[in-house]
Protein backbone atom coordinates (compact mmCIF):
# COMPACT_ATOMS: atom_id res chain seq x y z
CA MET A 1 130.53 135.55 120.46
CA ASP A 2 127.83 137.28 117.78
CA LYS A 3 126.72 135.81 114.51
CA ALA A 4 128.50 138.04 112.47
CA THR A 5 131.81 137.57 114.03
CA LEU A 6 131.23 133.58 113.55
CA TYR A 7 130.59 134.19 109.81
CA THR A 8 133.59 136.27 109.48
CA LEU A 9 135.71 133.64 111.29
CA ARG A 10 133.98 131.19 109.35
CA TRP A 11 134.75 133.35 106.03
CA SER A 12 138.37 133.65 106.86
CA ALA A 13 138.99 130.02 107.47
CA MET A 14 137.17 129.15 104.21
CA GLN A 15 139.77 131.40 102.21
CA ILE A 16 142.40 129.64 104.23
CA ALA A 17 141.25 126.15 102.78
CA ARG A 18 140.75 127.18 99.25
CA LEU A 19 143.88 128.78 99.18
CA SER A 20 146.28 126.81 101.10
CA ALA A 21 148.54 123.50 99.51
CA ASP A 22 149.55 122.60 103.17
CA PRO A 23 147.60 119.26 104.04
CA LYS A 24 148.17 120.09 107.49
CA VAL A 25 146.88 123.96 107.19
CA ASP A 26 144.09 122.37 105.17
CA ALA A 27 142.97 120.36 107.85
CA LEU A 28 142.84 122.69 110.31
CA ALA A 29 140.86 124.99 108.30
CA LEU A 30 138.35 122.61 107.49
CA SER A 31 138.41 121.46 111.27
CA GLN A 32 137.24 125.37 112.02
CA ILE A 33 134.82 125.61 109.37
CA GLU A 34 132.94 122.90 111.20
CA ILE A 35 133.23 124.04 114.71
CA LEU A 36 132.10 127.57 113.74
CA SER A 37 129.09 126.25 111.47
CA GLN A 38 128.05 124.31 115.01
CA LEU A 39 128.25 127.41 116.59
CA LEU A 40 126.32 129.09 114.01
CA GLU A 41 123.87 126.05 113.47
CA GLU A 42 124.40 125.66 110.09
CA ALA A 43 125.15 123.01 107.74
CA VAL A 44 129.10 122.80 106.90
CA PRO A 45 129.08 124.64 103.47
CA GLU A 46 128.37 121.88 100.59
CA GLU A 47 131.79 122.97 98.97
CA PHE A 48 133.82 121.77 102.27
CA SER A 49 131.54 118.97 103.43
CA PRO A 50 133.25 115.95 103.88
CA PRO A 51 132.35 112.97 101.45
CA GLU A 52 129.69 110.49 101.84
CA PRO A 53 130.72 107.81 104.22
CA VAL A 54 130.88 104.30 102.55
CA ARG A 55 127.35 103.37 101.44
CA PRO A 56 126.87 99.94 102.32
CA ASN A 57 124.86 97.32 99.94
CA LEU A 58 122.34 96.40 102.68
CA GLN A 59 119.17 94.11 101.70
CA PRO A 60 118.24 92.34 104.56
CA GLU A 61 115.89 89.22 104.05
CA ALA A 62 112.99 89.70 106.53
CA GLN A 63 111.63 92.74 108.77
CA VAL A 64 113.00 93.72 112.11
CA THR A 65 111.50 91.42 114.79
CA GLU A 66 114.02 90.59 116.70
CA LYS A 67 114.90 92.43 120.27
CA LYS A 68 118.44 93.32 119.60
CA ARG A 69 120.97 95.15 122.04
CA TYR A 70 123.61 97.07 119.77
CA PRO A 71 127.25 98.27 121.55
CA LEU A 72 126.73 101.70 123.05
CA ASP A 73 128.14 104.73 121.07
CA GLU A 74 129.38 103.25 117.71
CA ARG A 75 128.04 106.29 115.97
CA LYS A 76 127.26 104.51 112.40
CA LEU A 77 125.91 106.45 109.90
CA TRP A 78 124.05 103.21 108.66
CA TYR A 79 121.28 101.51 110.14
CA PRO A 80 122.66 97.81 110.44
CA GLU A 81 118.82 96.42 109.70
CA ALA A 82 117.75 98.83 106.68
CA VAL A 83 117.79 98.21 103.20
CA VAL A 84 120.19 100.53 101.53
CA ARG A 85 120.58 100.50 97.79
CA THR A 86 123.62 102.50 96.24
CA ASP A 87 121.17 103.46 93.69
CA LEU A 88 118.67 105.00 96.17
CA ARG A 89 119.94 108.53 97.33
CA ARG A 90 117.94 111.98 98.03
CA PRO A 91 119.94 115.01 97.28
CA ALA A 92 120.77 116.48 101.11
CA LYS A 93 120.07 119.99 102.46
CA GLY A 94 122.99 119.88 104.56
CA ALA A 95 125.02 118.00 107.79
CA TYR A 96 123.04 118.22 111.45
CA PRO A 97 124.95 120.37 113.27
CA LYS A 98 126.17 117.97 115.32
CA GLY A 99 127.02 115.40 113.12
CA TYR A 100 123.85 113.31 114.10
CA PRO A 101 119.86 114.07 114.40
CA GLN A 102 118.94 114.88 117.75
CA GLY A 103 115.72 113.08 117.41
CA ALA A 104 112.87 112.24 115.22
CA ILE A 105 109.90 113.16 113.47
CA VAL A 106 107.34 110.07 112.55
CA HIS A 107 105.26 110.63 109.83
CA PHE A 108 102.93 108.83 107.35
CA THR A 109 103.33 109.02 103.67
CA ALA A 110 99.51 109.67 103.03
CA GLY A 111 100.37 107.07 99.86
CA GLN A 112 100.58 104.00 98.40
CA TYR A 113 101.12 101.14 101.33
CA GLN A 114 100.02 97.51 100.54
CA LYS A 115 103.33 96.74 99.11
CA GLY A 116 105.49 96.47 101.49
CA LEU A 117 109.03 97.34 100.78
CA GLU A 118 108.14 98.09 96.99
CA ASP A 119 105.86 100.89 98.37
CA ALA A 120 108.79 101.91 100.77
CA THR A 121 111.33 102.19 98.23
CA ALA A 122 108.90 104.18 95.55
CA ALA A 123 108.12 106.64 98.30
CA ILE A 124 111.60 107.92 98.44
CA ALA A 125 112.32 107.55 95.00
CA SER A 126 109.60 109.58 94.07
CA SER A 127 110.11 112.32 96.92
CA PRO A 128 112.88 115.16 97.57
CA TYR A 129 111.85 114.56 101.17
CA PHE A 130 111.98 111.15 102.36
CA PHE A 131 115.29 109.87 104.20
CA CYS A 132 113.68 106.82 106.05
CA CYS A 133 110.95 104.73 105.06
CA ILE A 134 109.14 101.88 106.55
CA GLY A 135 106.96 99.35 104.64
CA THR A 136 103.92 97.75 105.94
CA ASP A 137 106.39 94.32 106.01
CA GLY A 138 108.36 96.24 108.76
CA LYS A 139 111.67 96.76 106.35
CA LEU A 140 113.07 100.16 106.66
CA VAL A 141 114.76 102.08 103.71
CA GLN A 142 117.41 104.23 104.32
CA ALA A 143 118.36 106.34 101.48
CA ASN A 144 120.80 108.86 102.93
CA PRO A 145 123.36 108.17 106.11
CA LEU A 146 122.64 110.15 109.22
CA ASN A 147 124.98 112.95 109.21
CA GLN A 148 122.90 114.17 106.59
CA TRP A 149 119.25 116.04 106.50
CA GLY A 150 116.65 116.77 104.37
CA TYR A 151 113.09 118.67 104.69
CA HIS A 152 110.62 116.66 105.64
CA ALA A 153 108.96 118.75 108.43
CA GLY A 154 107.92 121.94 106.50
CA GLU A 155 106.53 124.86 108.33
CA SER A 156 107.27 123.41 112.21
CA ALA A 157 108.57 124.58 115.81
CA TRP A 158 109.38 123.07 119.13
CA SER A 159 111.90 123.62 121.72
CA ILE A 160 115.27 121.98 121.53
CA GLU A 161 117.57 122.28 124.05
CA GLY A 162 116.23 125.13 125.83
CA VAL A 163 115.88 127.00 122.33
CA ARG A 164 112.74 127.25 120.14
CA ARG A 165 113.57 126.42 116.63
CA ASN A 166 111.49 127.63 113.94
CA GLY A 167 111.71 124.70 111.75
CA VAL A 168 113.12 121.38 112.72
CA SER A 169 114.22 119.11 109.37
CA ASN A 170 117.71 120.16 110.29
CA PHE A 171 117.73 119.03 114.05
CA LEU A 172 115.49 115.50 113.42
CA VAL A 173 115.42 113.03 111.26
CA GLY A 174 112.10 112.21 109.46
CA ILE A 175 110.70 108.44 109.73
CA GLU A 176 108.04 108.10 107.16
CA ILE A 177 105.62 105.13 107.32
CA THR A 178 103.70 104.00 104.45
CA ASN A 179 99.93 104.58 105.20
CA PRO A 180 97.10 106.18 103.42
CA GLY A 181 97.06 109.16 106.20
CA ARG A 182 93.74 110.28 107.92
CA LEU A 183 90.42 108.45 106.15
CA VAL A 184 87.54 109.94 104.43
CA LEU A 185 84.30 109.12 105.75
CA HIS A 186 81.40 109.06 103.02
CA GLN A 187 77.93 107.49 103.58
CA GLY A 188 79.18 105.25 106.47
CA LYS A 189 82.31 103.94 105.18
CA TYR A 190 86.00 105.18 104.69
CA TYR A 191 87.78 105.62 101.90
CA THR A 192 91.85 107.37 101.13
CA TYR A 193 91.77 110.82 100.47
CA TRP A 194 92.66 109.95 96.94
CA ASP A 195 89.71 107.67 96.10
CA THR A 196 87.55 110.80 94.95
CA ASP A 197 84.71 108.23 93.53
CA PHE A 198 84.45 106.19 96.47
CA LYS A 199 85.09 102.74 94.72
CA GLN A 200 87.22 101.17 96.87
CA PRO A 201 86.04 101.34 100.79
CA ILE A 202 88.32 100.44 103.39
CA ASP A 203 87.39 97.16 105.68
CA ALA A 204 85.36 99.18 108.80
CA LYS A 205 87.35 96.41 111.11
CA LYS A 206 90.40 98.08 110.25
CA VAL A 207 89.99 101.39 110.56
CA ARG A 208 90.87 103.24 114.36
CA ILE A 209 88.29 105.34 115.18
CA ILE A 210 89.35 108.70 117.44
CA ALA A 211 86.07 110.15 118.95
CA GLU A 212 87.85 113.22 119.84
CA ASN A 213 91.39 115.02 120.20
CA ARG A 214 93.57 113.23 122.89
CA ASP A 215 97.28 114.83 123.04
CA ASN A 216 98.94 114.87 119.49
CA ILE A 217 95.90 113.14 118.03
CA LEU A 218 93.08 114.50 116.19
CA ALA A 219 90.09 113.30 116.17
CA GLY A 220 88.76 111.34 112.90
CA ALA A 221 89.66 107.59 111.15
CA TYR A 222 92.96 106.50 110.43
CA LEU A 223 94.09 103.00 109.35
CA PRO A 224 96.43 101.74 111.70
CA TYR A 225 100.22 101.45 111.32
CA THR A 226 100.79 97.09 110.89
CA GLN A 227 102.45 95.61 114.12
CA ALA A 228 105.68 94.98 111.99
CA GLN A 229 106.05 98.89 111.35
CA GLU A 230 105.39 100.03 114.87
CA THR A 231 108.09 97.18 115.37
CA ALA A 232 110.37 98.25 113.22
CA LEU A 233 109.89 101.94 113.87
CA ILE A 234 110.53 101.29 117.70
CA GLU A 235 113.97 99.14 117.06
CA PHE A 236 115.08 101.79 114.58
CA LEU A 237 114.96 104.47 117.45
CA LEU A 238 116.72 102.16 119.98
CA TRP A 239 119.04 101.89 117.95
CA ALA A 240 119.85 105.59 116.95
CA LYS A 241 119.97 106.39 120.71
CA ALA A 242 122.07 103.60 121.49
CA ASN A 243 124.35 104.22 118.45
CA HIS A 244 124.94 107.87 119.83
CA PRO A 245 123.70 108.41 123.02
CA SER A 246 125.10 112.16 123.73
CA VAL A 247 122.94 113.29 120.78
CA PHE A 248 120.06 111.67 120.25
CA ASN A 249 117.11 112.23 122.72
CA PHE A 250 113.85 110.47 122.93
CA ASP A 251 112.31 113.84 124.27
CA TYR A 252 112.97 114.74 121.04
CA VAL A 253 111.05 111.98 119.17
CA LEU A 254 107.69 113.77 118.01
CA GLY A 255 104.91 113.20 115.89
CA HIS A 256 104.74 115.47 112.59
CA ASP A 257 101.35 116.64 114.71
CA GLU A 258 103.08 117.85 117.34
CA ALA A 259 106.10 120.19 115.67
CA ALA A 260 103.60 121.08 112.61
CA GLY A 261 100.34 121.50 114.93
CA PRO A 262 98.97 122.96 118.01
CA LYS A 263 101.88 122.30 120.40
CA GLY A 264 104.18 123.69 117.67
CA ILE A 265 102.84 125.91 115.50
CA GLY A 266 99.47 126.55 117.10
CA ARG A 267 97.44 124.97 114.69
CA TRP A 268 96.73 121.94 112.66
CA ARG A 269 99.23 122.08 109.72
CA LYS A 270 99.78 118.00 109.77
CA ASN A 271 97.88 114.98 111.42
CA ASP A 272 100.59 112.00 111.08
CA PRO A 273 101.03 109.76 112.62
CA GLY A 274 98.01 110.69 114.51
CA GLY A 275 95.65 107.67 115.19
CA ALA A 276 97.93 105.56 112.59
CA LEU A 277 99.78 105.10 115.88
CA SER A 278 98.87 102.77 118.72
CA MET A 279 99.21 105.30 121.44
CA THR A 280 99.84 109.16 121.67
CA MET A 281 103.47 110.57 121.37
CA THR A 282 103.68 110.75 124.89
CA GLU A 283 103.22 107.46 125.30
CA PHE A 284 105.37 106.37 122.93
CA ARG A 285 108.50 108.53 124.36
CA GLN A 286 108.00 107.12 127.54
CA LEU A 287 107.77 103.67 126.09
CA LEU A 288 111.14 104.40 124.10
CA LYS A 289 112.29 105.44 127.47
CA ASP A 290 111.20 102.36 129.32
CA THR A 291 112.25 99.85 127.01
CA PHE A 292 115.73 101.28 126.24
CA HIS A 293 116.15 101.33 130.25
CA GLN A 294 115.13 97.92 130.27
CA ARG A 295 117.50 96.53 127.45
CA TYR A 296 120.74 98.86 127.71
CA GLY A 297 120.50 99.62 131.55
């Protein structure tokens, strides 16, 4: 069935939903709108989107360190270990075509990073693009439920289920990690890109040097993610898979430098996570698969 026909059918269902006073007819029309939107690979029009699920007021006191085994296929929309505040949400662009992300994009914020949860919360509050963010203390802040998507990948491309997607934000959730980004070398010392007066060099012992391009990683100097950040990232992604295993796919856990880099769009538009992550994204995907198999069988 071509897209013109699908749009016509969805428009008809929308008209029925607007005009009908019968709850049963309304429910049937809304179901048809959802199905047709999925076939069109578009979000349900805002007028007919379901209300946001109940927002829990979750504020865990400690970062995620325990390796938990969650029940399979619960299909929750809020990560149980996330910091979720009732006053922090971002405007969503729509709902994921399958009602849940099919994978994730690993980012760094290229911003302030030293104050743990405070910086993660501030990164979300100050940006229209961040829905999930992990601070240096390992706390993950979640601003929106996992059926909603917002722009985070920008110009990007990847093959998802055999179809090349130009723009992956509405398929893959963005996981931001507080980190200064690729560092600037000046007179033998390393600085954040915003330290234009070169007044606060970063301790060279903490810097990870990538001598040459490797897989997704652009050569250069990076401040590594903290161990707490990597643990939190891994635990979130393992939960995301267990929570909805038929939709979330580790093969679509990508670096921003993949989808918005040579592998995706043919050039380096973005370089995160690059060397901030302790391994390449290819290695990271394998780690997720192996760990999931060990934990869930």
